[in-house]
């Protein structure tokens, strides 16, 4: 399995912005160049494990949170993300989002059932 460096970079950028830290500050604190931070965030460069850990520690996020689009078992990370998504919503927004989630879940399960029935008919 290949790592999705664009997704990892995107999550690093989001975490950095949430911490109100510039690329330059991040780079200086972990000992890399601002250009390398930029390349990591855009997915143009891979990130080494030591650098990834340093970034996670500085931004106070888990490495799981940065890798969750790549690892198979990441339910807890996405549940936390969903909770954060709902945290600043008003009652109407929550209701609409829950309706969208229910419809999406229903569609996903219907597609899965359809695919299983097609495989059985082969």
N, C-alpha and C. Protein backbone atom coordinates (compact mmCIF):
# COMPACT_ATOMS: atom_id res chain seq x y z
N UNK A 1 0.84 -1.18 0.00
CA UNK A 1 0.00 0.00 0.00
C UNK A 1 0.89 1.24 0.00
N UNK A 2 0.51 2.20 -0.84
CA UNK A 2 1.26 3.45 -0.91
C UNK A 2 0.68 4.48 0.04
N UNK A 3 1.54 5.31 0.57
CA UNK A 3 1.09 6.40 1.42
C UNK A 3 0.56 7.53 0.55
N UNK A 4 -0.52 8.15 0.98
CA UNK A 4 -1.11 9.27 0.27
C UNK A 4 -0.52 10.55 0.86
N UNK A 5 0.60 10.99 0.30
CA UNK A 5 1.32 12.14 0.85
C UNK A 5 0.54 13.44 0.68
N UNK A 6 -0.32 13.53 -0.32
CA UNK A 6 -1.15 14.73 -0.48
C UNK A 6 -2.13 14.85 0.69
N UNK A 7 -2.76 13.73 1.07
CA UNK A 7 -3.70 13.75 2.20
C UNK A 7 -2.97 14.02 3.51
N UNK A 8 -1.81 13.41 3.68
CA UNK A 8 -1.03 13.65 4.89
C UNK A 8 -0.65 15.13 4.96
N UNK A 9 -0.18 15.68 3.86
CA UNK A 9 0.20 17.09 3.82
C UNK A 9 -0.98 18.01 4.11
N UNK A 10 -2.13 17.66 3.56
CA UNK A 10 -3.33 18.47 3.79
C UNK A 10 -3.70 18.48 5.27
N UNK A 11 -3.62 17.32 5.92
CA UNK A 11 -3.93 17.24 7.35
C UNK A 11 -2.91 18.00 8.19
N UNK A 12 -1.65 17.95 7.79
CA UNK A 12 -0.61 18.72 8.49
C UNK A 12 -0.92 20.22 8.38
N UNK A 13 -1.27 20.65 7.19
CA UNK A 13 -1.59 22.06 6.98
C UNK A 13 -2.78 22.49 7.83
N UNK A 14 -3.83 21.68 7.85
CA UNK A 14 -5.02 21.99 8.65
C UNK A 14 -4.65 22.10 10.13
N UNK A 15 -3.87 21.14 10.62
CA UNK A 15 -3.47 21.15 12.03
C UNK A 15 -2.60 22.37 12.33
N UNK A 16 -1.73 22.71 11.41
CA UNK A 16 -0.85 23.88 11.60
C UNK A 16 -1.67 25.17 11.67
N UNK A 17 -2.62 25.30 10.76
CA UNK A 17 -3.47 26.50 10.74
C UNK A 17 -4.31 26.59 12.01
N UNK A 18 -4.84 25.44 12.46
CA UNK A 18 -5.62 25.44 13.71
C UNK A 18 -4.78 25.91 14.89
N UNK A 19 -3.49 25.63 14.86
CA UNK A 19 -2.59 26.07 15.93
C UNK A 19 -2.08 27.49 15.72
N UNK A 20 -2.48 28.10 14.60
CA UNK A 20 -2.07 29.45 14.28
C UNK A 20 -0.54 29.57 14.19
N UNK A 21 0.05 28.59 13.52
CA UNK A 21 1.51 28.54 13.35
C UNK A 21 1.82 28.67 11.86
N UNK A 22 2.79 29.49 11.52
CA UNK A 22 3.19 29.65 10.13
C UNK A 22 4.10 28.49 9.71
N UNK A 23 4.26 28.34 8.41
CA UNK A 23 5.18 27.33 7.91
C UNK A 23 6.60 27.61 8.40
N UNK A 24 6.96 28.88 8.44
CA UNK A 24 8.30 29.27 8.88
C UNK A 24 8.54 28.89 10.34
N UNK A 25 7.54 29.15 11.18
CA UNK A 25 7.67 28.81 12.60
C UNK A 25 7.78 27.31 12.78
N UNK A 26 6.92 26.57 12.09
CA UNK A 26 6.97 25.10 12.16
C UNK A 26 8.35 24.61 11.73
N UNK A 27 8.82 25.12 10.61
CA UNK A 27 10.13 24.70 10.08
C UNK A 27 11.24 24.97 11.09
N UNK A 28 11.26 26.17 11.65
CA UNK A 28 12.32 26.55 12.60
C UNK A 28 12.29 25.67 13.85
N UNK A 29 11.09 25.36 14.33
CA UNK A 29 10.98 24.59 15.58
C UNK A 29 11.34 23.12 15.42
N UNK A 30 11.21 22.58 14.21
CA UNK A 30 11.55 21.16 14.04
C UNK A 30 12.82 20.94 13.22
N UNK A 31 13.45 22.03 12.79
CA UNK A 31 14.75 21.92 12.13
C UNK A 31 14.72 21.53 10.67
N UNK A 32 13.70 22.00 9.94
CA UNK A 32 13.68 21.80 8.49
C UNK A 32 13.45 23.16 7.84
N UNK A 33 13.53 23.22 6.52
CA UNK A 33 13.34 24.50 5.84
C UNK A 33 11.85 24.77 5.61
N UNK A 34 11.49 26.05 5.53
CA UNK A 34 10.10 26.38 5.20
C UNK A 34 9.67 25.80 3.85
N UNK A 35 10.61 25.73 2.91
CA UNK A 35 10.28 25.15 1.60
C UNK A 35 9.92 23.66 1.74
N UNK A 36 10.63 22.96 2.62
CA UNK A 36 10.31 21.54 2.84
C UNK A 36 8.93 21.39 3.47
N UNK A 37 8.59 22.28 4.41
CA UNK A 37 7.25 22.26 5.01
C UNK A 37 6.21 22.45 3.91
N UNK A 38 6.44 23.43 3.04
CA UNK A 38 5.52 23.69 1.94
C UNK A 38 5.38 22.46 1.04
N UNK A 39 6.50 21.83 0.72
CA UNK A 39 6.47 20.63 -0.13
C UNK A 39 5.75 19.47 0.54
N UNK A 40 5.91 19.33 1.85
CA UNK A 40 5.20 18.29 2.60
C UNK A 40 3.70 18.56 2.56
N UNK A 41 3.31 19.81 2.82
CA UNK A 41 1.90 20.15 2.86
C UNK A 41 1.20 20.02 1.52
N UNK A 42 1.92 20.20 0.44
CA UNK A 42 1.32 20.05 -0.89
C UNK A 42 1.43 18.62 -1.41
N UNK A 43 2.15 17.77 -0.68
CA UNK A 43 2.33 16.39 -1.12
C UNK A 43 3.40 16.23 -2.17
N UNK A 44 4.18 17.28 -2.41
CA UNK A 44 5.26 17.22 -3.40
C UNK A 44 6.51 16.55 -2.85
N UNK A 45 6.58 16.41 -1.52
CA UNK A 45 7.69 15.70 -0.88
C UNK A 45 7.10 14.72 0.12
N UNK A 46 7.78 13.61 0.26
CA UNK A 46 7.38 12.68 1.32
C UNK A 46 7.90 13.22 2.64
N UNK A 47 7.32 12.73 3.72
CA UNK A 47 7.75 13.17 5.04
C UNK A 47 8.34 11.96 5.76
N UNK A 48 9.51 12.15 6.35
CA UNK A 48 10.15 11.05 7.07
C UNK A 48 9.42 10.83 8.39
N UNK A 49 9.60 9.65 8.94
CA UNK A 49 8.95 9.33 10.22
C UNK A 49 9.40 10.28 11.33
N UNK A 50 10.69 10.54 11.49
CA UNK A 50 11.09 11.48 12.55
C UNK A 50 10.48 12.88 12.37
N UNK A 51 10.40 13.33 11.13
CA UNK A 51 9.79 14.65 10.86
C UNK A 51 8.30 14.62 11.14
N UNK A 52 7.64 13.54 10.75
CA UNK A 52 6.20 13.41 11.00
C UNK A 52 5.91 13.43 12.50
N UNK A 53 6.71 12.73 13.28
CA UNK A 53 6.53 12.70 14.74
C UNK A 53 6.79 14.09 15.33
N UNK A 54 7.82 14.76 14.84
CA UNK A 54 8.13 16.11 15.33
C UNK A 54 6.98 17.07 15.02
N UNK A 55 6.42 16.96 13.82
CA UNK A 55 5.29 17.81 13.44
C UNK A 55 4.09 17.51 14.33
N UNK A 56 3.78 16.23 14.51
CA UNK A 56 2.64 15.83 15.35
C UNK A 56 2.81 16.35 16.77
N UNK A 57 4.00 16.22 17.33
CA UNK A 57 4.24 16.70 18.69
C UNK A 57 4.09 18.22 18.79
N UNK A 58 4.64 18.93 17.83
CA UNK A 58 4.56 20.39 17.85
C UNK A 58 3.11 20.87 17.70
N UNK A 59 2.36 20.21 16.83
CA UNK A 59 0.98 20.64 16.57
C UNK A 59 -0.02 19.99 17.53
N UNK A 60 0.49 19.17 18.43
CA UNK A 60 -0.35 18.51 19.45
C UNK A 60 -1.48 17.68 18.84
N UNK A 61 -1.10 16.90 17.82
CA UNK A 61 -2.02 15.94 17.21
C UNK A 61 -1.34 14.58 17.21
N UNK A 62 -2.13 13.54 17.09
CA UNK A 62 -1.52 12.21 17.01
C UNK A 62 -1.09 11.94 15.57
N UNK A 63 -0.11 11.08 15.44
CA UNK A 63 0.31 10.67 14.10
C UNK A 63 -0.86 9.99 13.39
N UNK A 64 -1.70 9.27 14.14
CA UNK A 64 -2.90 8.65 13.56
C UNK A 64 -3.76 9.69 12.85
N UNK A 65 -3.91 10.85 13.47
CA UNK A 65 -4.74 11.90 12.87
C UNK A 65 -4.16 12.36 11.54
N UNK A 66 -2.84 12.39 11.45
CA UNK A 66 -2.20 12.82 10.21
C UNK A 66 -2.23 11.73 9.14
N UNK A 67 -2.26 10.47 9.57
CA UNK A 67 -2.22 9.34 8.63
C UNK A 67 -3.58 8.70 8.36
N UNK A 68 -4.64 9.21 8.96
CA UNK A 68 -5.93 8.49 8.95
C UNK A 68 -6.50 8.24 7.56
N UNK A 69 -6.12 9.02 6.56
CA UNK A 69 -6.60 8.76 5.21
C UNK A 69 -5.84 7.61 4.56
N UNK A 70 -4.77 7.20 5.19
CA UNK A 70 -3.92 6.15 4.63
C UNK A 70 -4.05 4.83 5.37
N UNK A 71 -4.26 4.88 6.68
CA UNK A 71 -4.35 3.64 7.46
C UNK A 71 -5.76 3.08 7.42
N UNK A 72 -5.88 1.79 7.54
CA UNK A 72 -7.16 1.13 7.41
C UNK A 72 -8.04 1.26 8.65
N UNK A 73 -7.44 1.22 9.81
CA UNK A 73 -8.22 1.28 11.05
C UNK A 73 -8.07 2.68 11.64
N UNK A 74 -9.03 3.54 11.30
CA UNK A 74 -8.94 4.93 11.75
C UNK A 74 -10.30 5.47 12.18
N UNK A 75 -11.18 4.58 12.59
CA UNK A 75 -12.54 4.97 12.97
C UNK A 75 -12.54 6.04 14.05
N UNK A 76 -11.70 5.89 15.08
CA UNK A 76 -11.68 6.85 16.18
C UNK A 76 -11.32 8.25 15.70
N UNK A 77 -10.40 8.34 14.76
CA UNK A 77 -9.98 9.65 14.26
C UNK A 77 -11.14 10.32 13.53
N UNK A 78 -11.84 9.55 12.69
CA UNK A 78 -12.95 10.13 11.95
C UNK A 78 -14.13 10.45 12.85
N UNK A 79 -14.34 9.65 13.90
CA UNK A 79 -15.40 9.97 14.85
C UNK A 79 -15.09 11.28 15.58
N UNK A 80 -13.83 11.47 15.93
CA UNK A 80 -13.42 12.73 16.58
C UNK A 80 -13.63 13.90 15.63
N UNK A 81 -13.28 13.70 14.36
CA UNK A 81 -13.45 14.74 13.36
C UNK A 81 -14.93 15.11 13.19
N UNK A 82 -15.79 14.09 13.19
CA UNK A 82 -17.23 14.34 13.07
C UNK A 82 -17.73 15.13 14.27
N UNK A 83 -17.26 14.75 15.46
CA UNK A 83 -17.67 15.46 16.67
C UNK A 83 -17.25 16.92 16.60
N UNK A 84 -16.03 17.18 16.13
CA UNK A 84 -15.55 18.55 15.99
C UNK A 84 -16.37 19.31 14.95
N UNK A 85 -16.77 18.62 13.89
CA UNK A 85 -17.58 19.24 12.85
C UNK A 85 -18.91 19.72 13.41
N UNK A 86 -19.52 18.91 14.27
CA UNK A 86 -20.82 19.26 14.86
C UNK A 86 -20.71 20.29 15.99
N UNK A 87 -19.54 20.45 16.58
CA UNK A 87 -19.41 21.24 17.81
C UNK A 87 -19.85 22.69 17.69
N UNK A 88 -19.68 23.31 16.53
CA UNK A 88 -20.07 24.72 16.41
C UNK A 88 -21.34 24.92 15.58
N UNK A 89 -22.09 23.85 15.36
CA UNK A 89 -23.31 23.92 14.56
C UNK A 89 -24.51 24.29 15.41
N UNK A 90 -25.43 25.01 14.81
CA UNK A 90 -26.69 25.27 15.50
C UNK A 90 -27.62 24.07 15.27
N UNK A 91 -28.78 24.11 15.89
CA UNK A 91 -29.70 22.96 15.84
C UNK A 91 -30.11 22.61 14.41
N UNK A 92 -30.40 23.63 13.62
CA UNK A 92 -30.81 23.40 12.23
C UNK A 92 -29.69 22.73 11.43
N UNK A 93 -28.45 23.25 11.57
CA UNK A 93 -27.32 22.69 10.84
C UNK A 93 -27.08 21.23 11.22
N UNK A 94 -27.18 20.93 12.50
CA UNK A 94 -27.01 19.54 12.95
C UNK A 94 -28.06 18.65 12.33
N UNK A 95 -29.30 19.10 12.33
CA UNK A 95 -30.39 18.32 11.76
C UNK A 95 -30.13 18.02 10.28
N UNK A 96 -29.72 19.03 9.52
CA UNK A 96 -29.45 18.85 8.09
C UNK A 96 -28.27 17.90 7.89
N UNK A 97 -27.20 18.09 8.65
CA UNK A 97 -26.03 17.22 8.52
C UNK A 97 -26.36 15.77 8.86
N UNK A 98 -27.16 15.56 9.89
CA UNK A 98 -27.55 14.19 10.26
C UNK A 98 -28.39 13.58 9.15
N UNK A 99 -29.30 14.34 8.55
CA UNK A 99 -30.09 13.83 7.43
C UNK A 99 -29.20 13.42 6.26
N UNK A 100 -28.21 14.26 5.96
CA UNK A 100 -27.27 13.95 4.88
C UNK A 100 -26.49 12.68 5.20
N UNK A 101 -26.02 12.56 6.44
CA UNK A 101 -25.27 11.38 6.85
C UNK A 101 -26.12 10.11 6.76
N UNK A 102 -27.37 10.20 7.20
CA UNK A 102 -28.26 9.04 7.13
C UNK A 102 -28.47 8.61 5.68
N UNK A 103 -28.73 9.58 4.79
CA UNK A 103 -28.95 9.27 3.38
C UNK A 103 -27.69 8.67 2.75
N UNK A 104 -26.55 9.23 3.10
CA UNK A 104 -25.28 8.72 2.56
C UNK A 104 -25.02 7.30 3.05
N UNK A 105 -25.23 7.06 4.32
CA UNK A 105 -25.04 5.72 4.89
C UNK A 105 -25.97 4.72 4.20
N UNK A 106 -27.22 5.11 4.02
CA UNK A 106 -28.19 4.23 3.35
C UNK A 106 -27.72 3.91 1.93
N UNK A 107 -27.27 4.92 1.19
CA UNK A 107 -26.79 4.71 -0.17
C UNK A 107 -25.56 3.82 -0.21
N UNK A 108 -24.64 4.05 0.71
CA UNK A 108 -23.43 3.22 0.76
C UNK A 108 -23.77 1.75 0.99
N UNK A 109 -24.68 1.51 1.89
CA UNK A 109 -25.07 0.13 2.19
C UNK A 109 -25.83 -0.50 1.04
N UNK A 110 -26.64 0.29 0.34
CA UNK A 110 -27.35 -0.24 -0.83
C UNK A 110 -26.38 -0.62 -1.94
N UNK A 111 -25.39 0.22 -2.17
CA UNK A 111 -24.37 -0.08 -3.18
C UNK A 111 -23.62 -1.34 -2.80
N UNK A 112 -23.28 -1.47 -1.53
CA UNK A 112 -22.55 -2.65 -1.06
C UNK A 112 -23.38 -3.92 -1.27
N UNK A 113 -24.68 -3.84 -0.95
CA UNK A 113 -25.56 -5.00 -1.14
C UNK A 113 -25.69 -5.34 -2.63
N UNK A 114 -25.78 -4.31 -3.48
CA UNK A 114 -25.88 -4.52 -4.91
C UNK A 114 -24.61 -5.21 -5.44
N UNK A 115 -23.45 -4.73 -5.00
CA UNK A 115 -22.19 -5.33 -5.43
C UNK A 115 -22.09 -6.79 -4.98
N UNK A 116 -22.53 -7.07 -3.77
CA UNK A 116 -22.51 -8.46 -3.29
C UNK A 116 -23.44 -9.34 -4.12
N UNK A 117 -24.61 -8.85 -4.46
CA UNK A 117 -25.54 -9.66 -5.24
C UNK A 117 -25.01 -9.87 -6.65
N UNK A 118 -24.30 -8.90 -7.19
CA UNK A 118 -23.71 -9.05 -8.53
C UNK A 118 -22.62 -10.11 -8.51
N UNK A 119 -21.83 -10.14 -7.45
CA UNK A 119 -20.77 -11.15 -7.34
C UNK A 119 -21.36 -12.55 -7.22
N UNK A 120 -22.47 -12.65 -6.51
CA UNK A 120 -23.12 -13.95 -6.34
C UNK A 120 -23.69 -14.46 -7.65
N UNK A 121 -24.09 -13.56 -8.53
CA UNK A 121 -24.67 -13.94 -9.83
C UNK A 121 -23.63 -14.25 -10.88
N UNK A 122 -22.38 -13.99 -10.59
CA UNK A 122 -21.31 -14.26 -11.59
C UNK A 122 -21.04 -15.73 -11.72
